Amino acid sequence: MDIRTTLIHATLPLALVALGAVASGELRAQAAASPPTATPLPAPAAPAAKREVTDATCGEYLDLVEEVAAESKNTAADAPHDAQDDLVSVMLWLHGYLSGKLGIDGEKRPLTREWLSENVGVLAKACAVDESRRVVDVVDGLQ
């Protein structure tokens, strides 16, 4: 099962349930019947060290691609797909980075599933040459 199919299978049932509840007015009725009560929020966790996306290395990118491959083998509906979400985020950022740098070009870089999927492999192949390079430097060389 590929990334797109897995994401769709994982999220579609939840989306359909939510749409059904909204369409039937069930959510509004529940909210009117029992107004929310204030509950104390847990103390926030210590902030994680901030890191720029542009500092990500090819080795980290390749590790992420391997995690996605491992996750995609787990077809259980409740299986977490965090690495897939992260990879999609990376590829969307990459698309925006290239569009900002080179200009928006729907012919060369259409924001489609096909472009995202194809370029996961293109970037992985280019990153495999030297895992210590920054992903953004590899992308600059691919343009």
C-alpha atoms as a PDB file:
ATOM      1  CA  MET A   1       0.000   0.000   0.000  1.00  0.00           C
ATOM      2  CA  ASP A   2       1.508   3.363  -0.955  1.00  0.00           C
ATOM      3  CA  ILE A   3       1.640   6.510   1.169  1.00  0.00           C
ATOM      4  CA  ARG A   4      -1.420   8.113  -0.399  1.00  0.00           C
ATOM      5  CA  THR A   5      -3.572   5.017   0.008  1.00  0.00           C
ATOM      6  CA  THR A   6      -2.496   4.535   3.600  1.00  0.00           C
ATOM      7  CA  LEU A   7      -3.236   8.174   4.463  1.00  0.00           C
ATOM      8  CA  ILE A   8      -6.628   7.993   2.809  1.00  0.00           C
ATOM      9  CA  HIS A   9      -7.519   4.729   4.584  1.00  0.00           C
ATOM     10  CA  ALA A  10      -6.415   6.157   7.918  1.00  0.00           C
ATOM     11  CA  THR A  11      -8.257   9.473   7.663  1.00  0.00           C
ATOM     12  CA  LEU A  12     -11.287   8.834   5.475  1.00  0.00           C
ATOM     13  CA  PRO A  13     -13.401   7.010   8.101  1.00  0.00           C
ATOM     14  CA  LEU A  14     -12.809   9.815  10.608  1.00  0.00           C
ATOM     15  CA  ALA A  15     -13.679  12.470   8.045  1.00  0.00           C
ATOM     16  CA  LEU A  16     -16.876  10.672   7.041  1.00  0.00           C
ATOM     17  CA  VAL A  17     -17.991  10.325  10.668  1.00  0.00           C
ATOM     18  CA  ALA A  18     -17.318  14.016  11.283  1.00  0.00           C
ATOM     19  CA  LEU A  19     -19.150  15.045   8.088  1.00  0.00           C
ATOM     20  CA  GLY A  20     -22.111  12.858   9.018  1.00  0.00           C
ATOM     21  CA  ALA A  21     -22.308  14.387  12.502  1.00  0.00           C
ATOM     22  CA  VAL A  22     -22.161  17.914  11.081  1.00  0.00           C
ATOM     23  CA  ALA A  23     -24.741  17.198   8.389  1.00  0.00           C
ATOM     24  CA  SER A  24     -27.185  15.664  10.856  1.00  0.00           C
ATOM     25  CA  GLY A  25     -26.828  18.535  13.295  1.00  0.00           C
ATOM     26  CA  GLU A  26     -25.694  16.035  15.911  1.00  0.00           C
ATOM     27  CA  LEU A  27     -22.686  18.100  16.986  1.00  0.00           C
ATOM     28  CA  ARG A  28     -24.752  21.236  17.564  1.00  0.00           C
ATOM     29  CA  ALA A  29     -27.370  19.281  19.515  1.00  0.00           C
ATOM     30  CA  GLN A  30     -24.698  17.716  21.720  1.00  0.00           C
ATOM     31  CA  ALA A  31     -23.094  21.097  22.354  1.00  0.00           C
ATOM     32  CA  ALA A  32     -26.438  22.684  23.281  1.00  0.00           C
ATOM     33  CA  ALA A  33     -27.383  19.809  25.578  1.00  0.00           C
ATOM     34  CA  SER A  34     -24.158  19.806  27.543  1.00  0.00           C
ATOM     35  CA  PRO A  35     -22.132  23.007  27.417  1.00  0.00           C
ATOM     36  CA  PRO A  36     -18.392  22.499  27.814  1.00  0.00           C
ATOM     37  CA  THR A  37     -16.984  22.650  31.308  1.00  0.00           C
ATOM     38  CA  ALA A  38     -13.673  24.196  32.178  1.00  0.00           C
ATOM     39  CA  THR A  39     -10.983  21.673  32.935  1.00  0.00           C
ATOM     40  CA  PRO A  40      -7.474  22.688  33.844  1.00  0.00           C
ATOM     41  CA  LEU A  41      -4.942  22.208  31.118  1.00  0.00           C
ATOM     42  CA  PRO A  42      -1.841  20.172  31.884  1.00  0.00           C
ATOM     43  CA  ALA A  43       1.383  22.082  32.344  1.00  0.00           C
ATOM     44  CA  PRO A  44       3.127  22.597  29.011  1.00  0.00           C
ATOM     45  CA  ALA A  45       6.082  20.370  28.277  1.00  0.00           C
ATOM     46  CA  ALA A  46       9.502  21.908  28.068  1.00  0.00           C
ATOM     47  CA  PRO A  47       9.960  23.333  24.591  1.00  0.00           C
ATOM     48  CA  ALA A  48      11.964  21.196  22.219  1.00  0.00           C
ATOM     49  CA  ALA A  49      15.124  22.645  20.800  1.00  0.00           C
ATOM     50  CA  LYS A  50      14.192  24.660  17.737  1.00  0.00           C
ATOM     51  CA  ARG A  51      15.770  23.575  14.520  1.00  0.00           C
ATOM     52  CA  GLU A  52      15.450  25.038  11.074  1.00  0.00           C
ATOM     53  CA  VAL A  53      14.100  22.821   8.318  1.00  0.00           C
ATOM     54  CA  THR A  54      17.016  23.969   6.198  1.00  0.00           C
ATOM     55  CA  ASP A  55      19.418  22.215   8.596  1.00  0.00           C
ATOM     56  CA  ALA A  56      18.031  18.728   7.883  1.00  0.00           C
ATOM     57  CA  THR A  57      20.625  16.353   6.462  1.00  0.00           C
ATOM     58  CA  CYS A  58      20.234  13.822   3.705  1.00  0.00           C
ATOM     59  CA  GLY A  59      20.816  11.071   6.251  1.00  0.00           C
ATOM     60  CA  GLU A  60      17.829  12.297   8.261  1.00  0.00           C
ATOM     61  CA  TYR A  61      15.726  12.463   5.096  1.00  0.00           C
ATOM     62  CA  LEU A  62      16.671   8.907   4.126  1.00  0.00           C
ATOM     63  CA  ASP A  63      15.871   7.698   7.665  1.00  0.00           C
ATOM     64  CA  LEU A  64      12.429   9.302   7.314  1.00  0.00           C
ATOM     65  CA  VAL A  65      11.829   7.610   3.953  1.00  0.00           C
ATOM     66  CA  GLU A  66      12.759   4.253   5.538  1.00  0.00           C
ATOM     67  CA  GLU A  67      10.357   4.901   8.441  1.00  0.00           C
ATOM     68  CA  VAL A  68       7.576   5.599   5.948  1.00  0.00           C
ATOM     69  CA  ALA A  69       8.304   2.342   4.156  1.00  0.00           C
ATOM     70  CA  ALA A  70       8.092   0.468   7.474  1.00  0.00           C
ATOM     71  CA  GLU A  71       4.856   2.257   8.474  1.00  0.00           C
ATOM     72  CA  SER A  72       3.210   1.531   5.150  1.00  0.00           C
ATOM     73  CA  LYS A  73       3.519  -2.221   5.829  1.00  0.00           C
ATOM     74  CA  ASN A  74       1.261  -1.808   8.872  1.00  0.00           C
ATOM     75  CA  THR A  75      -2.218  -1.684   7.356  1.00  0.00           C
ATOM     76  CA  ALA A  76      -4.164  -1.565  10.618  1.00  0.00           C
ATOM     77  CA  ALA A  77      -6.635   1.313  10.558  1.00  0.00           C
ATOM     78  CA  ASP A  78      -5.444   2.608  13.929  1.00  0.00           C
ATOM     79  CA  ALA A  79      -1.740   2.340  13.138  1.00  0.00           C
ATOM     80  CA  PRO A  80       0.151   5.610  13.577  1.00  0.00           C
ATOM     81  CA  HIS A  81       1.541   7.166  10.426  1.00  0.00           C
ATOM     82  CA  ASP A  82       3.660   9.934  11.919  1.00  0.00           C
ATOM     83  CA  ALA A  83       6.582   9.457   9.538  1.00  0.00           C
ATOM     84  CA  GLN A  84       4.230   9.669   6.562  1.00  0.00           C
ATOM     85  CA  ASP A  85       2.819  12.918   7.880  1.00  0.00           C
ATOM     86  CA  ASP A  86       6.361  14.229   8.368  1.00  0.00           C
ATOM     87  CA  LEU A  87       7.405  13.206   4.854  1.00  0.00           C
ATOM     88  CA  VAL A  88       4.373  14.907   3.313  1.00  0.00           C
ATOM     89  CA  SER A  89       5.222  18.041   5.313  1.00  0.00           C
ATOM     90  CA  VAL A  90       8.819  17.945   4.073  1.00  0.00           C
ATOM     91  CA  MET A  91       7.722  17.560   0.469  1.00  0.00           C
ATOM     92  CA  LEU A  92       5.166  20.370   0.756  1.00  0.00           C
ATOM     93  CA  TRP A  93       7.862  22.598   2.260  1.00  0.00           C
ATOM     94  CA  LEU A  94      10.190  21.614  -0.574  1.00  0.00           C
ATOM     95  CA  HIS A  95       7.560  22.542  -3.159  1.00  0.00           C
ATOM     96  CA  GLY A  96       7.063  25.929  -1.502  1.00  0.00           C
ATOM     97  CA  TYR A  97      10.823  26.480  -1.246  1.00  0.00           C
ATOM     98  CA  LEU A  98      11.320  25.789  -4.952  1.00  0.00           C
ATOM     99  CA  SER A  99       8.307  27.891  -5.921  1.00  0.00           C
ATOM    100  CA  GLY A 100       9.602  30.779  -3.813  1.00  0.00           C
ATOM    101  CA  LYS A 101      13.090  30.500  -5.204  1.00  0.00           C
ATOM    102  CA  LEU A 102      12.304  29.778  -8.847  1.00  0.00           C
ATOM    103  CA  GLY A 103       8.807  31.174  -9.183  1.00  0.00           C
ATOM    104  CA  ILE A 104       5.485  29.399  -9.301  1.00  0.00           C
ATOM    105  CA  ASP A 105       5.392  27.138 -12.325  1.00  0.00           C
ATOM    106  CA  GLY A 106       2.411  24.818 -12.543  1.00  0.00           C
ATOM    107  CA  GLU A 107       3.870  23.138 -15.616  1.00  0.00           C
ATOM    108  CA  LYS A 108       7.236  22.261 -14.043  1.00  0.00           C
ATOM    109  CA  ARG A 109       6.130  21.843 -10.436  1.00  0.00           C
ATOM    110  CA  PRO A 110       2.427  21.121 -10.197  1.00  0.00           C
ATOM    111  CA  LEU A 111       1.388  20.609  -6.600  1.00  0.00           C
ATOM    112  CA  THR A 112      -0.014  17.135  -7.181  1.00  0.00           C
ATOM    113  CA  ARG A 113       0.305  13.765  -5.508  1.00  0.00           C
ATOM    114  CA  GLU A 114       2.275  12.596  -8.519  1.00  0.00           C
ATOM    115  CA  TRP A 115       4.833  15.414  -8.167  1.00  0.00           C
ATOM    116  CA  LEU A 116       5.189  14.757  -4.441  1.00  0.00           C
ATOM    117  CA  SER A 117       5.580  10.993  -4.901  1.00  0.00           C
ATOM    118  CA  GLU A 118       8.012  11.289  -7.785  1.00  0.00           C
ATOM    119  CA  ASN A 119      10.210  13.769  -5.982  1.00  0.00           C
ATOM    120  CA  VAL A 120      10.433  11.693  -2.804  1.00  0.00           C
ATOM    121  CA  GLY A 121      12.395   9.215  -4.928  1.00  0.00           C
ATOM    122  CA  VAL A 122      14.369  11.843  -6.838  1.00  0.00           C
ATOM    123  CA  LEU A 123      15.497  13.465  -3.603  1.00  0.00           C
ATOM    124  CA  ALA A 124      16.265  10.102  -1.954  1.00  0.00           C
ATOM    125  CA  LYS A 125      18.454   9.082  -4.883  1.00  0.00           C
ATOM    126  CA  ALA A 126      20.326  12.393  -4.833  1.00  0.00           C
ATOM    127  CA  CYS A 127      20.714  12.252  -1.038  1.00  0.00           C
ATOM    128  CA  ALA A 128      22.127   8.723  -1.116  1.00  0.00           C
ATOM    129  CA  VAL A 129      25.328  10.094  -2.704  1.00  0.00           C
ATOM    130  CA  ASP A 130      26.335  11.986   0.459  1.00  0.00           C
ATOM    131  CA  GLU A 131      24.178  11.644   3.569  1.00  0.00           C
ATOM    132  CA  SER A 132      25.994  14.438   5.396  1.00  0.00           C
ATOM    133  CA  ARG A 133      24.815  17.140   2.959  1.00  0.00           C
ATOM    134  CA  ARG A 134      21.912  19.386   3.838  1.00  0.00           C
ATOM    135  CA  VAL A 135      18.717  18.495   1.981  1.00  0.00           C
ATOM    136  CA  VAL A 136      18.272  22.109   0.893  1.00  0.00           C
ATOM    137  CA  ASP A 137      21.715  22.086  -0.760  1.00  0.00           C
ATOM    138  CA  VAL A 138      20.845  18.921  -2.659  1.00  0.00           C
ATOM    139  CA  VAL A 139      17.540  20.454  -3.751  1.00  0.00           C
ATOM    140  CA  ASP A 140      19.350  23.555  -4.997  1.00  0.00           C
ATOM    141  CA  GLY A 141      21.475  21.275  -7.185  1.00  0.00           C
ATOM    142  CA  LEU A 142      18.456  19.432  -8.613  1.00  0.00           C
ATOM    143  CA  GLN A 143      16.390  22.380  -9.821  1.00  0.00           C
END
